[in-house]
């Protein structure tokens, strides 16, 4: 099984950091399982797979994690038009040519990632205005929380690696 965190950090099998992570196998499995369910689920529901990859890319960019951004840029590029879309996602929600739905999603991602205290009911209504259901908004929130966790986990592992 590919472990995305190990891949991004460059944790080699048998390395001291691999041995350290092996002490908590459930944490490793749950993190990868969350990736599988939130980023690349078998059934995407109301938040499409390319939208999920775009959200994850945006969070990695906001957190200035080049390796994680490269991973999500590559994932986004696997979808039709994804390679061209990546530059727009990286530029932000006001980038020219973004579909209104994705622009609204990215505005929400920027807000909850960088200024969560400013988020309110009107911002959730804006997501509903572009077709997201309550369930979709919960899925989006879970995705934002997961990738934010992933960023911090990777940062911590890199520090230990040094």
C-alpha atoms as a PDB file:
ATOM      1  CA  UNK A   1       0.000   0.000   0.000  1.00  0.00           C
ATOM      2  CA  UNK A   2       1.340   3.432  -0.958  1.00  0.00           C
ATOM      3  CA  UNK A   3       1.524   5.830   1.952  1.00  0.00           C
ATOM      4  CA  UNK A   4       1.245   9.383   0.647  1.00  0.00           C
ATOM      5  CA  UNK A   5       2.839  10.948   3.729  1.00  0.00           C
ATOM      6  CA  UNK A   6       5.857   8.631   3.519  1.00  0.00           C
ATOM      7  CA  UNK A   7       6.166   9.426  -0.182  1.00  0.00           C
ATOM      8  CA  UNK A   8       5.991  13.212   0.316  1.00  0.00           C
ATOM      9  CA  UNK A   9       8.474  13.204   3.202  1.00  0.00           C
ATOM     10  CA  UNK A  10      10.734  10.666   1.502  1.00  0.00           C
ATOM     11  CA  UNK A  11      10.631   8.111   4.293  1.00  0.00           C
ATOM     12  CA  UNK A  12      12.514   5.050   3.127  1.00  0.00           C
ATOM     13  CA  UNK A  13      11.437   1.597   4.283  1.00  0.00           C
ATOM     14  CA  UNK A  14      13.620   0.535   7.183  1.00  0.00           C
ATOM     15  CA  UNK A  15      14.806   4.067   7.952  1.00  0.00           C
ATOM     16  CA  UNK A  16      14.760   5.373  11.530  1.00  0.00           C
ATOM     17  CA  UNK A  17      11.742   7.545  10.716  1.00  0.00           C
ATOM     18  CA  UNK A  18       9.958   4.546   9.200  1.00  0.00           C
ATOM     19  CA  UNK A  19      10.649   2.615  12.408  1.00  0.00           C
ATOM     20  CA  UNK A  20       9.277   5.500  14.441  1.00  0.00           C
ATOM     21  CA  UNK A  21       6.085   5.632  12.371  1.00  0.00           C
ATOM     22  CA  UNK A  22       5.781   1.849  12.628  1.00  0.00           C
ATOM     23  CA  UNK A  23       5.364   2.249  16.391  1.00  0.00           C
ATOM     24  CA  UNK A  24       1.935   3.750  15.700  1.00  0.00           C
ATOM     25  CA  UNK A  25       0.626   1.696  12.775  1.00  0.00           C
ATOM     26  CA  UNK A  26      -2.969   2.756  13.400  1.00  0.00           C
ATOM     27  CA  UNK A  27      -2.039   6.429  12.989  1.00  0.00           C
ATOM     28  CA  UNK A  28      -0.347   5.672   9.693  1.00  0.00           C
ATOM     29  CA  UNK A  29      -3.273   3.542   8.488  1.00  0.00           C
ATOM     30  CA  UNK A  30      -5.903   6.067   9.547  1.00  0.00           C
ATOM     31  CA  UNK A  31      -4.086   8.939   7.848  1.00  0.00           C
ATOM     32  CA  UNK A  32      -3.807   7.016   4.587  1.00  0.00           C
ATOM     33  CA  UNK A  33      -7.374   5.791   4.963  1.00  0.00           C
ATOM     34  CA  UNK A  34      -8.548   9.378   5.370  1.00  0.00           C
ATOM     35  CA  UNK A  35      -6.679  10.303   2.188  1.00  0.00           C
ATOM     36  CA  UNK A  36      -8.349   7.430   0.355  1.00  0.00           C
ATOM     37  CA  UNK A  37     -11.840   8.383   1.578  1.00  0.00           C
ATOM     38  CA  UNK A  38     -11.616  12.176   1.386  1.00  0.00           C
ATOM     39  CA  UNK A  39      -9.257  12.909  -1.509  1.00  0.00           C
ATOM     40  CA  UNK A  40      -9.736   9.966  -3.876  1.00  0.00           C
ATOM     41  CA  UNK A  41     -12.915   8.172  -2.778  1.00  0.00           C
ATOM     42  CA  UNK A  42     -14.468   5.478  -4.914  1.00  0.00           C
ATOM     43  CA  UNK A  43     -17.697   7.495  -4.898  1.00  0.00           C
ATOM     44  CA  UNK A  44     -17.086  11.222  -4.876  1.00  0.00           C
ATOM     45  CA  UNK A  45     -20.653  12.270  -4.158  1.00  0.00           C
ATOM     46  CA  UNK A  46     -21.451  15.938  -4.701  1.00  0.00           C
ATOM     47  CA  UNK A  47     -17.840  17.124  -4.530  1.00  0.00           C
ATOM     48  CA  UNK A  48     -16.179  15.858  -7.690  1.00  0.00           C
ATOM     49  CA  UNK A  49     -12.738  14.264  -7.676  1.00  0.00           C
ATOM     50  CA  UNK A  50     -11.186  17.134  -9.613  1.00  0.00           C
ATOM     51  CA  UNK A  51     -12.701  19.614  -7.128  1.00  0.00           C
ATOM     52  CA  UNK A  52     -11.223  17.582  -4.267  1.00  0.00           C
ATOM     53  CA  UNK A  53      -7.786  17.642  -5.899  1.00  0.00           C
ATOM     54  CA  UNK A  54      -8.123  21.400  -6.498  1.00  0.00           C
ATOM     55  CA  UNK A  55      -9.048  22.005  -2.848  1.00  0.00           C
ATOM     56  CA  UNK A  56      -6.103  19.926  -1.636  1.00  0.00           C
ATOM     57  CA  UNK A  57      -3.751  21.742  -4.012  1.00  0.00           C
ATOM     58  CA  UNK A  58      -4.994  25.121  -2.786  1.00  0.00           C
ATOM     59  CA  UNK A  59      -4.411  24.181   0.857  1.00  0.00           C
ATOM     60  CA  UNK A  60      -0.893  22.935   0.091  1.00  0.00           C
ATOM     61  CA  UNK A  61      -0.163  26.207  -1.735  1.00  0.00           C
ATOM     62  CA  UNK A  62      -1.566  28.318   1.099  1.00  0.00           C
ATOM     63  CA  UNK A  63       0.684  26.432   3.506  1.00  0.00           C
ATOM     64  CA  UNK A  64       3.692  26.825   1.191  1.00  0.00           C
ATOM     65  CA  UNK A  65       4.408  23.109   1.019  1.00  0.00           C
ATOM     66  CA  UNK A  66       5.989  22.656  -2.397  1.00  0.00           C
ATOM     67  CA  UNK A  67       6.210  18.851  -2.287  1.00  0.00           C
ATOM     68  CA  UNK A  68       2.610  18.408  -1.189  1.00  0.00           C
ATOM     69  CA  UNK A  69       1.480  20.959  -3.783  1.00  0.00           C
ATOM     70  CA  UNK A  70       3.375  19.012  -6.451  1.00  0.00           C
ATOM     71  CA  UNK A  71       1.577  15.830  -5.386  1.00  0.00           C
ATOM     72  CA  UNK A  72      -1.844  17.457  -5.611  1.00  0.00           C
ATOM     73  CA  UNK A  73      -0.957  19.265  -8.855  1.00  0.00           C
ATOM     74  CA  UNK A  74      -0.114  15.877 -10.363  1.00  0.00           C
ATOM     75  CA  UNK A  75      -3.354  14.409  -9.011  1.00  0.00           C
ATOM     76  CA  UNK A  76      -5.372  17.285 -10.472  1.00  0.00           C
ATOM     77  CA  UNK A  77      -3.622  16.801 -13.827  1.00  0.00           C
ATOM     78  CA  UNK A  78      -5.078  13.279 -14.047  1.00  0.00           C
ATOM     79  CA  UNK A  79      -8.508  14.847 -14.648  1.00  0.00           C
ATOM     80  CA  UNK A  80      -9.555  16.382 -17.972  1.00  0.00           C
ATOM     81  CA  UNK A  81      -8.334  19.971 -18.082  1.00  0.00           C
ATOM     82  CA  UNK A  82      -6.655  19.535 -14.700  1.00  0.00           C
ATOM     83  CA  UNK A  83      -3.171  20.619 -15.724  1.00  0.00           C
ATOM     84  CA  UNK A  84      -4.465  23.995 -16.959  1.00  0.00           C
ATOM     85  CA  UNK A  85      -6.765  24.293 -13.964  1.00  0.00           C
ATOM     86  CA  UNK A  86      -3.881  23.850 -11.511  1.00  0.00           C
ATOM     87  CA  UNK A  87      -2.363  27.237 -12.351  1.00  0.00           C
ATOM     88  CA  UNK A  88      -5.703  28.930 -11.747  1.00  0.00           C
ATOM     89  CA  UNK A  89      -6.174  27.119  -8.443  1.00  0.00           C
ATOM     90  CA  UNK A  90      -2.703  28.151  -7.344  1.00  0.00           C
ATOM     91  CA  UNK A  91      -3.440  31.773  -8.291  1.00  0.00           C
ATOM     92  CA  UNK A  92      -6.501  31.772  -6.058  1.00  0.00           C
ATOM     93  CA  UNK A  93     -10.259  32.017  -6.149  1.00  0.00           C
ATOM     94  CA  UNK A  94     -10.313  35.237  -8.149  1.00  0.00           C
ATOM     95  CA  UNK A  95      -8.211  33.814 -10.993  1.00  0.00           C
ATOM     96  CA  UNK A  96      -9.616  34.469 -14.441  1.00  0.00           C
ATOM     97  CA  UNK A  97     -11.420  31.557 -16.021  1.00  0.00           C
ATOM     98  CA  UNK A  98     -12.392  29.654 -12.869  1.00  0.00           C
ATOM     99  CA  UNK A  99     -15.896  28.232 -12.936  1.00  0.00           C
ATOM    100  CA  UNK A 100     -18.152  30.050 -10.440  1.00  0.00           C
ATOM    101  CA  UNK A 101     -18.647  26.883  -8.398  1.00  0.00           C
ATOM    102  CA  UNK A 102     -14.917  26.215  -8.002  1.00  0.00           C
ATOM    103  CA  UNK A 103     -14.233  29.894  -7.310  1.00  0.00           C
ATOM    104  CA  UNK A 104     -16.790  29.802  -4.466  1.00  0.00           C
ATOM    105  CA  UNK A 105     -15.270  26.603  -3.103  1.00  0.00           C
ATOM    106  CA  UNK A 106     -11.773  28.081  -3.199  1.00  0.00           C
ATOM    107  CA  UNK A 107     -12.955  31.293  -1.501  1.00  0.00           C
ATOM    108  CA  UNK A 108     -14.335  29.106   1.270  1.00  0.00           C
ATOM    109  CA  UNK A 109     -11.087  27.108   1.465  1.00  0.00           C
ATOM    110  CA  UNK A 110      -9.024  30.299   1.693  1.00  0.00           C
ATOM    111  CA  UNK A 111     -11.290  31.697   4.408  1.00  0.00           C
ATOM    112  CA  UNK A 112     -11.380  28.620   6.622  1.00  0.00           C
ATOM    113  CA  UNK A 113      -7.680  27.926   6.091  1.00  0.00           C
ATOM    114  CA  UNK A 114      -6.353  31.429   6.682  1.00  0.00           C
ATOM    115  CA  UNK A 115      -9.022  33.318   8.644  1.00  0.00           C
ATOM    116  CA  UNK A 116     -11.481  30.793  10.099  1.00  0.00           C
ATOM    117  CA  UNK A 117     -12.966  33.269  12.579  1.00  0.00           C
ATOM    118  CA  UNK A 118     -14.329  35.305   9.692  1.00  0.00           C
ATOM    119  CA  UNK A 119     -16.444  32.426   8.358  1.00  0.00           C
ATOM    120  CA  UNK A 120     -20.160  32.718   8.886  1.00  0.00           C
ATOM    121  CA  UNK A 121     -23.575  31.646   7.687  1.00  0.00           C
ATOM    122  CA  UNK A 122     -23.401  33.891   4.616  1.00  0.00           C
ATOM    123  CA  UNK A 123     -20.277  32.068   3.465  1.00  0.00           C
ATOM    124  CA  UNK A 124     -22.000  28.702   3.768  1.00  0.00           C
ATOM    125  CA  UNK A 125     -24.972  30.129   1.866  1.00  0.00           C
ATOM    126  CA  UNK A 126     -22.569  31.085  -0.939  1.00  0.00           C
ATOM    127  CA  UNK A 127     -21.604  27.415  -1.227  1.00  0.00           C
ATOM    128  CA  UNK A 128     -25.256  26.405  -1.402  1.00  0.00           C
ATOM    129  CA  UNK A 129     -25.793  29.049  -4.085  1.00  0.00           C
ATOM    130  CA  UNK A 130     -23.342  27.192  -6.348  1.00  0.00           C
ATOM    131  CA  UNK A 131     -25.017  23.830  -5.821  1.00  0.00           C
ATOM    132  CA  UNK A 132     -23.383  22.291  -2.776  1.00  0.00           C
ATOM    133  CA  UNK A 133     -25.727  20.449  -0.429  1.00  0.00           C
ATOM    134  CA  UNK A 134     -25.305  20.317   3.328  1.00  0.00           C
ATOM    135  CA  UNK A 135     -23.667  16.903   2.905  1.00  0.00           C
ATOM    136  CA  UNK A 136     -21.277  18.325   0.288  1.00  0.00           C
ATOM    137  CA  UNK A 137     -20.319  21.177   2.614  1.00  0.00           C
ATOM    138  CA  UNK A 138     -19.553  18.669   5.365  1.00  0.00           C
ATOM    139  CA  UNK A 139     -17.434  16.645   2.909  1.00  0.00           C
ATOM    140  CA  UNK A 140     -15.612  19.800   1.879  1.00  0.00           C
ATOM    141  CA  UNK A 141     -15.000  20.703   5.534  1.00  0.00           C
ATOM    142  CA  UNK A 142     -13.637  17.227   6.234  1.00  0.00           C
ATOM    143  CA  UNK A 143     -11.312  17.534   3.256  1.00  0.00           C
ATOM    144  CA  UNK A 144     -10.026  20.928   4.400  1.00  0.00           C
ATOM    145  CA  UNK A 145      -9.427  19.574   7.908  1.00  0.00           C
ATOM    146  CA  UNK A 146      -7.663  16.473   6.597  1.00  0.00           C
ATOM    147  CA  UNK A 147      -5.278  18.266   4.231  1.00  0.00           C
ATOM    148  CA  UNK A 148      -4.516  20.817   6.961  1.00  0.00           C
ATOM    149  CA  UNK A 149      -3.672  17.898   9.262  1.00  0.00           C
ATOM    150  CA  UNK A 150      -1.581  16.334   6.511  1.00  0.00           C
ATOM    151  CA  UNK A 151       0.417  19.571   6.112  1.00  0.00           C
ATOM    152  CA  UNK A 152       1.211  19.647   9.821  1.00  0.00           C
ATOM    153  CA  UNK A 153       2.038  15.955  10.033  1.00  0.00           C
ATOM    154  CA  UNK A 154       4.430  16.275   7.108  1.00  0.00           C
ATOM    155  CA  UNK A 155       6.070  19.349   8.632  1.00  0.00           C
ATOM    156  CA  UNK A 156       6.614  17.503  11.912  1.00  0.00           C
ATOM    157  CA  UNK A 157       8.048  14.438  10.200  1.00  0.00           C
ATOM    158  CA  UNK A 158      10.420  16.615   8.189  1.00  0.00           C
ATOM    159  CA  UNK A 159      11.688  18.161  11.415  1.00  0.00           C
ATOM    160  CA  UNK A 160      12.307  14.715  12.877  1.00  0.00           C
ATOM    161  CA  UNK A 161      14.031  13.678   9.659  1.00  0.00           C
ATOM    162  CA  UNK A 162      16.564  16.494  10.032  1.00  0.00           C
END
